[in-house]
């Protein structure tokens, strides 16, 4: 996971608080690890892309007679 994509524990606590969620203390390390992984994946998905990176939406079917 790149360092820029790491979610700090303070950010994690702020997100939980803003969402009105309470995670039990014994489950918090696992939920925090999952949140860090999800945050890293989201960072990868939000990178700029060019038109060449997008799939084509044009289909051509050959029809035999």
Protein backbone atom coordinates (compact mmCIF):
# COMPACT_ATOMS: atom_id res chain seq x y z
CA UNK A 1 0.00 0.00 0.00
CA UNK A 2 1.50 3.38 -0.94
CA UNK A 3 2.12 5.71 2.02
CA UNK A 4 0.00 8.47 0.46
CA UNK A 5 -3.00 6.14 0.52
CA UNK A 6 -2.74 5.25 4.22
CA UNK A 7 -5.68 6.33 6.32
CA UNK A 8 -4.62 7.67 9.72
CA UNK A 9 -6.37 6.52 12.86
CA UNK A 10 -7.51 10.11 13.50
CA UNK A 11 -9.12 10.26 10.02
CA UNK A 12 -10.72 6.87 10.66
CA UNK A 13 -12.16 8.03 13.98
CA UNK A 14 -13.47 11.24 12.36
CA UNK A 15 -15.18 9.26 9.57
CA UNK A 16 -16.81 6.91 12.09
CA UNK A 17 -17.92 9.83 14.23
CA UNK A 18 -19.38 11.73 11.26
CA UNK A 19 -21.26 8.62 10.20
CA UNK A 20 -22.56 8.08 13.72
CA UNK A 21 -20.95 4.65 13.96
CA UNK A 22 -19.57 3.08 17.12
CA UNK A 23 -17.14 0.20 16.65
CA UNK A 24 -16.44 -1.94 19.73
CA UNK A 25 -12.84 -1.66 20.96
CA UNK A 26 -12.12 -5.36 20.35
CA UNK A 27 -13.19 -5.07 16.69
CA UNK A 28 -11.62 -1.69 15.94
CA UNK A 29 -8.17 -2.98 14.80
CA UNK A 30 -9.75 -5.24 12.17
CA UNK A 31 -12.18 -2.60 10.96
CA UNK A 32 -9.35 -0.05 10.82
CA UNK A 33 -7.18 -2.42 8.74
CA UNK A 34 -10.06 -3.01 6.33
CA UNK A 35 -10.71 0.73 6.08
CA UNK A 36 -7.03 1.35 5.24
CA UNK A 37 -7.18 -1.24 2.44
CA UNK A 38 -10.41 0.20 1.07
CA UNK A 39 -8.98 3.72 1.19
CA UNK A 40 -5.91 2.58 -0.79
CA UNK A 41 -8.10 0.91 -3.43
CA UNK A 42 -10.26 4.01 -3.78
CA UNK A 43 -7.12 6.13 -4.27
CA UNK A 44 -6.07 3.84 -7.14
CA UNK A 45 -9.50 4.05 -8.76
CA UNK A 46 -9.61 7.86 -8.62
CA UNK A 47 -6.42 8.40 -10.63
CA UNK A 48 -6.76 10.38 -13.86
CA UNK A 49 -7.30 8.32 -17.00
CA UNK A 50 -7.11 9.09 -20.69
CA UNK A 51 -9.59 8.01 -23.33
CA UNK A 52 -7.16 5.22 -24.27
CA UNK A 53 -7.68 3.70 -20.80
CA UNK A 54 -11.42 3.34 -21.29
CA UNK A 55 -12.99 0.29 -22.92
CA UNK A 56 -14.53 0.65 -26.32
CA UNK A 57 -18.30 0.77 -26.53
CA UNK A 58 -18.36 0.00 -30.24
CA UNK A 59 -19.22 -3.54 -31.30
CA UNK A 60 -19.09 -4.92 -34.79
CA UNK A 61 -20.66 -8.25 -35.62
CA UNK A 62 -19.84 -9.91 -38.92
CA UNK A 63 -22.93 -11.36 -40.52
CA UNK A 64 -22.52 -14.22 -42.93
CA UNK A 65 -25.11 -14.69 -45.69
